[in-house]
Amino acid sequence: MILCSGCSFTIGSHKDKDNNDVDYKHWPEFLISQTKNVALGGAGNRRIARTVLENLDDSIKAVVVMWSTPERYDYYMPEKNAYKLEGASYTETKQQYLKYFYTDFNMFAKTLEYYILIQNTLKAKNIPYIPMHMGDPRYKDWDQDSAYGVNVNEYGSMRVLTQEEKKLKVESFLEKTEHHWEENKVIKKLWNEVDWNQWVFHKEYGGLWQFTNDGNYKWIAYHPPEQAHKDWAEQYINPRLKQLGIA
């Protein structure tokens, strides 16, 4: 059994412009072996890490994770005995968190710590692991296109940035911490603890997001379409699974 986790780029939970459910197959359904998909739409990296830890047992022969963007805030609600997943929204409690507690350094440091936690846990258990990202792990959700010189129109059709927009430099999380020596020292240490050679990337640090743009797939409800998921699995994940002896 291959354990898969992530956010909506892994499980779905999409809505169209009329708020209707949009359902189709995602990359775990195109892998070469039986899968258990524990992803949650809107999940941040804290929740993704927990779904992996909560579902490890003797049936798991490999783990494939498509991590989300660092700024997402997940929190436990004792009164509901459940996690609240805020995704990329600015609603409810997250508004207060962003106002009083959020810092780019804090969220990026935590994300790197979650990467290292799962990496080292699976290494200790001798479980093959393939990490990847919904986009580029260095950028926020809403910067994924701008950082690569593209943007999306309403409902997700891609467009090229205007010359004026290109002048607006998008800083990565790494670049943001360069302004603060102590923060940068911590981030560099954590960054170097991540085994990036394990990761599946599209080009340098790109993920399914950049793969979808470069392949000129038509976005559906701001998410990659089924064909992009199928091609991503066949071109990137399945070859790595075969290398690891998983079939």
C-alpha atoms as a PDB file:
ATOM      1  CA  MET A   1       0.000   0.000   0.000  1.00  0.00           C
ATOM      2  CA  ILE A   2       1.292   3.467  -0.928  1.00  0.00           C
ATOM      3  CA  LEU A   3       0.268   6.177   1.552  1.00  0.00           C
ATOM      4  CA  CYS A   4      -0.474   9.496  -0.181  1.00  0.00           C
ATOM      5  CA  SER A   5      -1.108  12.849   1.454  1.00  0.00           C
ATOM      6  CA  GLY A   6      -1.389  16.507   0.523  1.00  0.00           C
ATOM      7  CA  CYS A   7      -4.009  19.200  -0.001  1.00  0.00           C
ATOM      8  CA  SER A   8      -6.641  19.696  -2.717  1.00  0.00           C
ATOM      9  CA  PHE A   9      -3.936  19.112  -5.355  1.00  0.00           C
ATOM     10  CA  THR A  10      -3.979  15.515  -4.090  1.00  0.00           C
ATOM     11  CA  ILE A  11      -7.605  14.820  -3.071  1.00  0.00           C
ATOM     12  CA  GLY A  12      -9.803  17.452  -4.755  1.00  0.00           C
ATOM     13  CA  SER A  13     -12.702  19.334  -3.096  1.00  0.00           C
ATOM     14  CA  HIS A  14     -12.956  21.896  -5.893  1.00  0.00           C
ATOM     15  CA  LYS A  15     -15.804  24.301  -6.655  1.00  0.00           C
ATOM     16  CA  ASP A  16     -16.561  25.968 -10.005  1.00  0.00           C
ATOM     17  CA  LYS A  17     -17.597  29.606 -10.492  1.00  0.00           C
ATOM     18  CA  ASP A  18     -21.197  28.671  -9.622  1.00  0.00           C
ATOM     19  CA  ASN A  19     -20.109  26.881  -6.415  1.00  0.00           C
ATOM     20  CA  ASN A  20     -20.852  23.447  -7.862  1.00  0.00           C
ATOM     21  CA  ASP A  21     -18.649  20.492  -6.919  1.00  0.00           C
ATOM     22  CA  VAL A  22     -16.030  19.565  -9.514  1.00  0.00           C
ATOM     23  CA  ASP A  23     -14.812  15.982  -9.264  1.00  0.00           C
ATOM     24  CA  TYR A  24     -12.150  14.104 -11.230  1.00  0.00           C
ATOM     25  CA  LYS A  25      -9.183  11.792 -10.666  1.00  0.00           C
ATOM     26  CA  HIS A  26      -6.016  13.072  -8.992  1.00  0.00           C
ATOM     27  CA  TRP A  27      -2.444  11.770  -9.162  1.00  0.00           C
ATOM     28  CA  PRO A  28      -2.759   9.043  -6.458  1.00  0.00           C
ATOM     29  CA  GLU A  29      -5.266   7.251  -8.679  1.00  0.00           C
ATOM     30  CA  PHE A  30      -2.684   6.918 -11.453  1.00  0.00           C
ATOM     31  CA  LEU A  31       0.103   5.319  -9.435  1.00  0.00           C
ATOM     32  CA  ILE A  32       1.359   1.828 -10.268  1.00  0.00           C
ATOM     33  CA  SER A  33       0.336   0.250  -6.952  1.00  0.00           C
ATOM     34  CA  GLN A  34      -2.640   0.363  -4.583  1.00  0.00           C
ATOM     35  CA  THR A  35      -2.888   3.633  -2.687  1.00  0.00           C
ATOM     36  CA  LYS A  36      -4.404   5.049   0.488  1.00  0.00           C
ATOM     37  CA  ASN A  37      -5.140   8.747   0.001  1.00  0.00           C
ATOM     38  CA  VAL A  38      -5.447  10.659   3.293  1.00  0.00           C
ATOM     39  CA  ALA A  39      -5.116  14.165   1.827  1.00  0.00           C
ATOM     40  CA  LEU A  40      -7.495  16.959   2.868  1.00  0.00           C
ATOM     41  CA  GLY A  41      -8.589  19.913   0.768  1.00  0.00           C
ATOM     42  CA  GLY A  42      -7.152  23.142   2.179  1.00  0.00           C
ATOM     43  CA  ALA A  43      -4.571  21.355   4.337  1.00  0.00           C
ATOM     44  CA  GLY A  44      -1.410  23.135   5.344  1.00  0.00           C
ATOM     45  CA  ASN A  45       1.852  21.360   6.039  1.00  0.00           C
ATOM     46  CA  ARG A  46       1.161  20.830   9.730  1.00  0.00           C
ATOM     47  CA  ARG A  47      -1.958  18.815   8.934  1.00  0.00           C
ATOM     48  CA  ILE A  48      -0.275  16.995   6.053  1.00  0.00           C
ATOM     49  CA  ALA A  49       2.509  15.843   8.374  1.00  0.00           C
ATOM     50  CA  ARG A  50      -0.043  14.620  10.922  1.00  0.00           C
ATOM     51  CA  THR A  51      -2.012  12.647   8.330  1.00  0.00           C
ATOM     52  CA  VAL A  52       1.168  10.783   7.448  1.00  0.00           C
ATOM     53  CA  LEU A  53       2.087  10.035  11.074  1.00  0.00           C
ATOM     54  CA  GLU A  54      -1.469   9.011  11.955  1.00  0.00           C
ATOM     55  CA  ASN A  55      -1.668   6.490   9.103  1.00  0.00           C
ATOM     56  CA  LEU A  56       1.687   4.708   9.263  1.00  0.00           C
ATOM     57  CA  ASP A  57       1.299   0.978   9.895  1.00  0.00           C
ATOM     58  CA  ASP A  58       2.701  -2.331   8.656  1.00  0.00           C
ATOM     59  CA  SER A  59       0.635  -2.164   5.453  1.00  0.00           C
ATOM     60  CA  ILE A  60       2.447   0.952   4.200  1.00  0.00           C
ATOM     61  CA  LYS A  61       5.230   0.082   1.755  1.00  0.00           C
ATOM     62  CA  ALA A  62       5.943   3.635   0.550  1.00  0.00           C
ATOM     63  CA  VAL A  63       4.845   7.222   1.198  1.00  0.00           C
ATOM     64  CA  VAL A  64       4.258   9.915  -1.432  1.00  0.00           C
ATOM     65  CA  VAL A  65       3.508  13.442  -0.225  1.00  0.00           C
ATOM     66  CA  MET A  66       2.621  16.542  -2.233  1.00  0.00           C
ATOM     67  CA  TRP A  67       3.342  19.303   0.271  1.00  0.00           C
ATOM     68  CA  SER A  68       1.426  22.577   0.351  1.00  0.00           C
ATOM     69  CA  THR A  69       2.534  26.207   0.652  1.00  0.00           C
ATOM     70  CA  PRO A  70       4.161  27.386   3.917  1.00  0.00           C
ATOM     71  CA  GLU A  71       1.754  30.185   4.834  1.00  0.00           C
ATOM     72  CA  ARG A  72      -1.281  27.943   5.317  1.00  0.00           C
ATOM     73  CA  TYR A  73      -2.528  27.865   8.896  1.00  0.00           C
ATOM     74  CA  ASP A  74      -4.132  24.755  10.417  1.00  0.00           C
ATOM     75  CA  TYR A  75      -5.280  24.653  14.018  1.00  0.00           C
ATOM     76  CA  TYR A  76      -6.989  22.218  16.352  1.00  0.00           C
ATOM     77  CA  MET A  77     -10.483  23.101  17.628  1.00  0.00           C
ATOM     78  CA  PRO A  78     -11.063  21.295  20.972  1.00  0.00           C
ATOM     79  CA  GLU A  79     -14.775  22.118  20.961  1.00  0.00           C
ATOM     80  CA  LYS A  80     -15.160  20.180  17.685  1.00  0.00           C
ATOM     81  CA  ASN A  81     -12.392  17.640  18.282  1.00  0.00           C
ATOM     82  CA  ALA A  82     -11.148  18.392  14.781  1.00  0.00           C
ATOM     83  CA  TYR A  83      -8.689  20.439  12.768  1.00  0.00           C
ATOM     84  CA  LYS A  84      -9.709  23.635  11.010  1.00  0.00           C
ATOM     85  CA  LEU A  85      -8.029  23.912   7.620  1.00  0.00           C
ATOM     86  CA  GLU A  86      -7.892  27.499   6.389  1.00  0.00           C
ATOM     87  CA  GLY A  87      -6.108  26.851   3.088  1.00  0.00           C
ATOM     88  CA  ALA A  88      -5.216  30.053   1.250  1.00  0.00           C
ATOM     89  CA  SER A  89      -8.233  31.953   2.593  1.00  0.00           C
ATOM     90  CA  TYR A  90      -8.372  35.011   4.847  1.00  0.00           C
ATOM     91  CA  THR A  91     -11.483  33.993   6.735  1.00  0.00           C
ATOM     92  CA  GLU A  92     -12.500  33.634  10.351  1.00  0.00           C
ATOM     93  CA  THR A  93      -9.785  32.851  12.880  1.00  0.00           C
ATOM     94  CA  LYS A  94      -7.016  33.057  10.289  1.00  0.00           C
ATOM     95  CA  GLN A  95      -7.608  36.796   9.973  1.00  0.00           C
ATOM     96  CA  GLN A  96      -6.692  37.201  13.632  1.00  0.00           C
ATOM     97  CA  TYR A  97      -3.720  34.873  13.301  1.00  0.00           C
ATOM     98  CA  LEU A  98      -2.362  36.830  10.344  1.00  0.00           C
ATOM     99  CA  LYS A  99      -2.878  40.120  12.168  1.00  0.00           C
ATOM    100  CA  TYR A 100      -1.270  39.226  15.493  1.00  0.00           C
ATOM    101  CA  PHE A 101       0.944  36.143  15.106  1.00  0.00           C
ATOM    102  CA  TYR A 102       1.921  35.407  11.487  1.00  0.00           C
ATOM    103  CA  THR A 103       5.478  35.950  10.233  1.00  0.00           C
ATOM    104  CA  ASP A 104       7.018  34.588   7.045  1.00  0.00           C
ATOM    105  CA  PHE A 105       9.988  33.318   9.049  1.00  0.00           C
ATOM    106  CA  ASN A 106       7.817  31.399  11.512  1.00  0.00           C
ATOM    107  CA  MET A 107       5.718  29.652   8.872  1.00  0.00           C
ATOM    108  CA  PHE A 108       8.665  28.791   6.622  1.00  0.00           C
ATOM    109  CA  ALA A 109      10.697  27.463   9.560  1.00  0.00           C
ATOM    110  CA  LYS A 110       7.752  25.304  10.658  1.00  0.00           C
ATOM    111  CA  THR A 111       7.279  23.971   7.124  1.00  0.00           C
ATOM    112  CA  LEU A 112      10.946  22.960   6.879  1.00  0.00           C
ATOM    113  CA  GLU A 113      10.639  21.279  10.278  1.00  0.00           C
ATOM    114  CA  TYR A 114       7.636  19.254   9.012  1.00  0.00           C
ATOM    115  CA  TYR A 115       9.641  18.206   5.938  1.00  0.00           C
ATOM    116  CA  ILE A 116      12.483  17.040   8.188  1.00  0.00           C
ATOM    117  CA  LEU A 117      10.109  15.287  10.623  1.00  0.00           C
ATOM    118  CA  ILE A 118       8.538  13.114   7.933  1.00  0.00           C
ATOM    119  CA  GLN A 119      11.829  12.590   6.103  1.00  0.00           C
ATOM    120  CA  ASN A 120      13.620  11.327   9.217  1.00  0.00           C
ATOM    121  CA  THR A 121      10.659   9.347  10.572  1.00  0.00           C
ATOM    122  CA  LEU A 122      10.361   7.379   7.339  1.00  0.00           C
ATOM    123  CA  LYS A 123      14.127   6.937   7.132  1.00  0.00           C
ATOM    124  CA  ALA A 124      14.143   5.481  10.641  1.00  0.00           C
ATOM    125  CA  LYS A 125      11.327   3.102   9.693  1.00  0.00           C
ATOM    126  CA  ASN A 126      13.041   2.225   6.384  1.00  0.00           C
ATOM    127  CA  ILE A 127       9.956   3.235   4.385  1.00  0.00           C
ATOM    128  CA  PRO A 128      10.598   4.551   0.839  1.00  0.00           C
ATOM    129  CA  TYR A 129       9.525   8.184   0.532  1.00  0.00           C
ATOM    130  CA  ILE A 130       8.833  10.495  -2.403  1.00  0.00           C
ATOM    131  CA  PRO A 131       8.249  14.142  -1.450  1.00  0.00           C
ATOM    132  CA  MET A 132       7.093  16.752  -3.958  1.00  0.00           C
ATOM    133  CA  HIS A 133       5.181  20.018  -3.910  1.00  0.00           C
ATOM    134  CA  MET A 134       1.941  21.424  -5.289  1.00  0.00           C
ATOM    135  CA  GLY A 135       4.063  24.320  -6.583  1.00  0.00           C
ATOM    136  CA  ASP A 136       7.444  25.773  -5.722  1.00  0.00           C
ATOM    137  CA  PRO A 137       8.199  25.310  -1.985  1.00  0.00           C
ATOM    138  CA  ARG A 138       9.954  28.680  -1.865  1.00  0.00           C
ATOM    139  CA  TYR A 139       6.810  30.743  -2.569  1.00  0.00           C
ATOM    140  CA  LYS A 140       3.381  31.498  -1.155  1.00  0.00           C
ATOM    141  CA  ASP A 141       0.226  30.161  -2.773  1.00  0.00           C
ATOM    142  CA  TRP A 142      -0.651  33.464  -4.445  1.00  0.00           C
ATOM    143  CA  ASP A 143       2.927  34.021  -5.689  1.00  0.00           C
ATOM    144  CA  GLN A 144       3.289  30.723  -7.549  1.00  0.00           C
ATOM    145  CA  ASP A 145       2.444  32.255 -10.937  1.00  0.00           C
ATOM    146  CA  SER A 146       3.955  35.707 -10.528  1.00  0.00           C
ATOM    147  CA  ALA A 147       7.302  34.262  -9.441  1.00  0.00           C
ATOM    148  CA  TYR A 148       7.464  32.455 -12.785  1.00  0.00           C
ATOM    149  CA  GLY A 149       6.304  35.381 -14.917  1.00  0.00           C
ATOM    150  CA  VAL A 150       2.748  34.195 -15.516  1.00  0.00           C
ATOM    151  CA  ASN A 151      -0.632  34.786 -13.938  1.00  0.00           C
ATOM    152  CA  VAL A 152      -4.163  33.460 -14.167  1.00  0.00           C
ATOM    153  CA  ASN A 153      -7.357  35.135 -15.237  1.00  0.00           C
ATOM    154  CA  GLU A 154     -10.711  34.615 -13.575  1.00  0.00           C
ATOM    155  CA  TYR A 155     -11.599  30.911 -13.215  1.00  0.00           C
ATOM    156  CA  GLY A 156      -8.030  29.828 -13.830  1.00  0.00           C
ATOM    157  CA  SER A 157      -7.065  30.387 -17.463  1.00  0.00           C
ATOM    158  CA  MET A 158      -3.377  31.264 -17.695  1.00  0.00           C
ATOM    159  CA  ARG A 159      -2.052  34.563 -19.023  1.00  0.00           C
ATOM    160  CA  VAL A 160       1.391  36.113 -19.331  1.00  0.00           C
ATOM    161  CA  LEU A 161       2.234  38.957 -16.969  1.00  0.00           C
ATOM    162  CA  THR A 162       2.247  42.483 -18.316  1.00  0.00           C
ATOM    163  CA  GLN A 163       5.524  44.420 -18.379  1.00  0.00           C
ATOM    164  CA  GLU A 164       4.342  46.495 -15.418  1.00  0.00           C
ATOM    165  CA  GLU A 165       3.582  43.384 -13.385  1.00  0.00           C
ATOM    166  CA  LYS A 166       6.974  41.901 -14.190  1.00  0.00           C
ATOM    167  CA  LYS A 167       8.617  44.898 -12.528  1.00  0.00           C
ATOM    168  CA  LEU A 168       7.105  43.829  -9.204  1.00  0.00           C
ATOM    169  CA  LYS A 169       9.712  41.433  -7.834  1.00  0.00           C
ATOM    170  CA  VAL A 170       8.260  38.484  -5.937  1.00  0.00           C
ATOM    171  CA  GLU A 171      10.466  37.501  -3.022  1.00  0.00           C
ATOM    172  CA  SER A 172      10.777  33.876  -2.011  1.00  0.00           C
ATOM    173  CA  PHE A 173      10.703  32.844   1.646  1.00  0.00           C
ATOM    174  CA  LEU A 174      14.474  32.408   1.445  1.00  0.00           C
ATOM    175  CA  GLU A 175      14.918  35.946   0.182  1.00  0.00           C
ATOM    176  CA  LYS A 176      12.593  37.375   2.813  1.00  0.00           C
ATOM    177  CA  THR A 177      14.747  36.002   5.624  1.00  0.00           C
ATOM    178  CA  GLU A 178      17.933  37.486   4.146  1.00  0.00           C
ATOM    179  CA  HIS A 179      16.888  40.827   5.646  1.00  0.00           C
ATOM    180  CA  HIS A 180      17.294  39.367   9.166  1.00  0.00           C
ATOM    181  CA  TRP A 181      20.622  37.713  10.003  1.00  0.00           C
ATOM    182  CA  GLU A 182      19.426  35.492  12.863  1.00  0.00           C
ATOM    183  CA  GLU A 183      16.356  34.302  10.973  1.00  0.00           C
ATOM    184  CA  ASN A 184      18.406  33.598   7.869  1.00  0.00           C
ATOM    185  CA  LYS A 185      20.861  31.518   9.903  1.00  0.00           C
ATOM    186  CA  VAL A 186      18.058  29.300  11.210  1.00  0.00           C
ATOM    187  CA  ILE A 187      16.386  28.931   7.822  1.00  0.00           C
ATOM    188  CA  LYS A 188      19.644  27.981   6.100  1.00  0.00           C
ATOM    189  CA  LYS A 189      20.315  25.344   8.748  1.00  0.00           C
ATOM    190  CA  LEU A 190      16.851  23.817   8.347  1.00  0.00           C
ATOM    191  CA  TRP A 191      16.970  24.081   4.534  1.00  0.00           C
ATOM    192  CA  ASN A 192      20.228  22.132   4.467  1.00  0.00           C
ATOM    193  CA  GLU A 193      18.761  19.412   6.684  1.00  0.00           C
ATOM    194  CA  VAL A 194      16.123  18.620   4.038  1.00  0.00           C
ATOM    195  CA  ASP A 195      17.270  15.883   1.641  1.00  0.00           C
ATOM    196  CA  TRP A 196      16.266  17.670  -1.552  1.00  0.00           C
ATOM    197  CA  ASN A 197      17.678  14.804  -3.626  1.00  0.00           C
ATOM    198  CA  GLN A 198      14.652  12.744  -2.546  1.00  0.00           C
ATOM    199  CA  TRP A 199      12.255  15.261  -4.007  1.00  0.00           C
ATOM    200  CA  VAL A 200      10.485  15.136  -7.356  1.00  0.00           C
ATOM    201  CA  PHE A 201      10.627  18.530  -9.048  1.00  0.00           C
ATOM    202  CA  HIS A 202       9.537  19.916 -12.388  1.00  0.00           C
ATOM    203  CA  LYS A 203      12.670  21.696 -13.611  1.00  0.00           C
ATOM    204  CA  GLU A 204      14.513  23.385 -10.719  1.00  0.00           C
ATOM    205  CA  TYR A 205      12.019  23.634  -7.827  1.00  0.00           C
ATOM    206  CA  GLY A 206       8.693  23.494  -9.644  1.00  0.00           C
ATOM    207  CA  GLY A 207       5.767  21.278  -8.752  1.00  0.00           C
ATOM    208  CA  LEU A 208       2.462  20.227 -10.273  1.00  0.00           C
ATOM    209  CA  TRP A 209       1.474  23.901 -10.533  1.00  0.00           C
ATOM    210  CA  GLN A 210       4.412  24.803 -12.804  1.00  0.00           C
ATOM    211  CA  PHE A 211       4.058  21.512 -14.708  1.00  0.00           C
ATOM    212  CA  THR A 212       0.446  22.428 -15.479  1.00  0.00           C
ATOM    213  CA  ASN A 213       1.401  25.881 -16.748  1.00  0.00           C
ATOM    214  CA  ASP A 214       4.327  24.671 -18.847  1.00  0.00           C
ATOM    215  CA  GLY A 215       2.220  21.921 -20.382  1.00  0.00           C
ATOM    216  CA  ASN A 216      -0.539  24.379 -21.342  1.00  0.00           C
ATOM    217  CA  TYR A 217      -3.163  22.320 -19.552  1.00  0.00           C
ATOM    218  CA  LYS A 218      -6.455  24.113 -18.945  1.00  0.00           C
ATOM    219  CA  TRP A 219      -6.938  24.834 -15.246  1.00  0.00           C
ATOM    220  CA  ILE A 220     -10.243  23.731 -13.707  1.00  0.00           C
ATOM    221  CA  ALA A 221     -11.565  25.696 -10.729  1.00  0.00           C
ATOM    222  CA  TYR A 222      -8.035  27.002 -10.087  1.00  0.00           C
ATOM    223  CA  HIS A 223      -6.623  23.465 -10.008  1.00  0.00           C
ATOM    224  CA  PRO A 224      -4.757  21.222 -12.483  1.00  0.00           C
ATOM    225  CA  PRO A 225      -7.080  19.065 -14.625  1.00  0.00           C
ATOM    226  CA  GLU A 226      -7.202  15.283 -14.596  1.00  0.00           C
ATOM    227  CA  GLN A 227      -4.877  14.910 -17.588  1.00  0.00           C
ATOM    228  CA  ALA A 228      -2.177  16.955 -15.826  1.00  0.00           C
ATOM    229  CA  HIS A 229      -2.490  14.670 -12.778  1.00  0.00           C
ATOM    230  CA  LYS A 230      -2.218  11.563 -14.974  1.00  0.00           C
ATOM    231  CA  ASP A 231       0.821  12.871 -16.830  1.00  0.00           C
ATOM    232  CA  TRP A 232       2.487  14.024 -13.603  1.00  0.00           C
ATOM    233  CA  ALA A 233       2.071  10.548 -12.109  1.00  0.00           C
ATOM    234  CA  GLU A 234       3.317   8.770 -15.224  1.00  0.00           C
ATOM    235  CA  GLN A 235       6.244  11.097 -15.923  1.00  0.00           C
ATOM    236  CA  TYR A 236       7.471  11.836 -12.404  1.00  0.00           C
ATOM    237  CA  ILE A 237       6.131   9.561  -9.656  1.00  0.00           C
ATOM    238  CA  ASN A 238       5.834   6.113 -11.228  1.00  0.00           C
ATOM    239  CA  PRO A 239       9.416   6.089 -12.576  1.00  0.00           C
ATOM    240  CA  ARG A 240      10.689   6.973  -9.106  1.00  0.00           C
ATOM    241  CA  LEU A 241       8.511   4.268  -7.506  1.00  0.00           C
ATOM    242  CA  LYS A 242      10.017   1.733  -9.904  1.00  0.00           C
ATOM    243  CA  GLN A 243      13.520   2.920  -8.986  1.00  0.00           C
ATOM    244  CA  LEU A 244      12.617   2.293  -5.345  1.00  0.00           C
ATOM    245  CA  GLY A 245      11.367  -1.221  -6.142  1.00  0.00           C
ATOM    246  CA  ILE A 246       7.679  -0.392  -5.567  1.00  0.00           C
ATOM    247  CA  ALA A 247       5.322  -1.997  -8.094  1.00  0.00           C
END
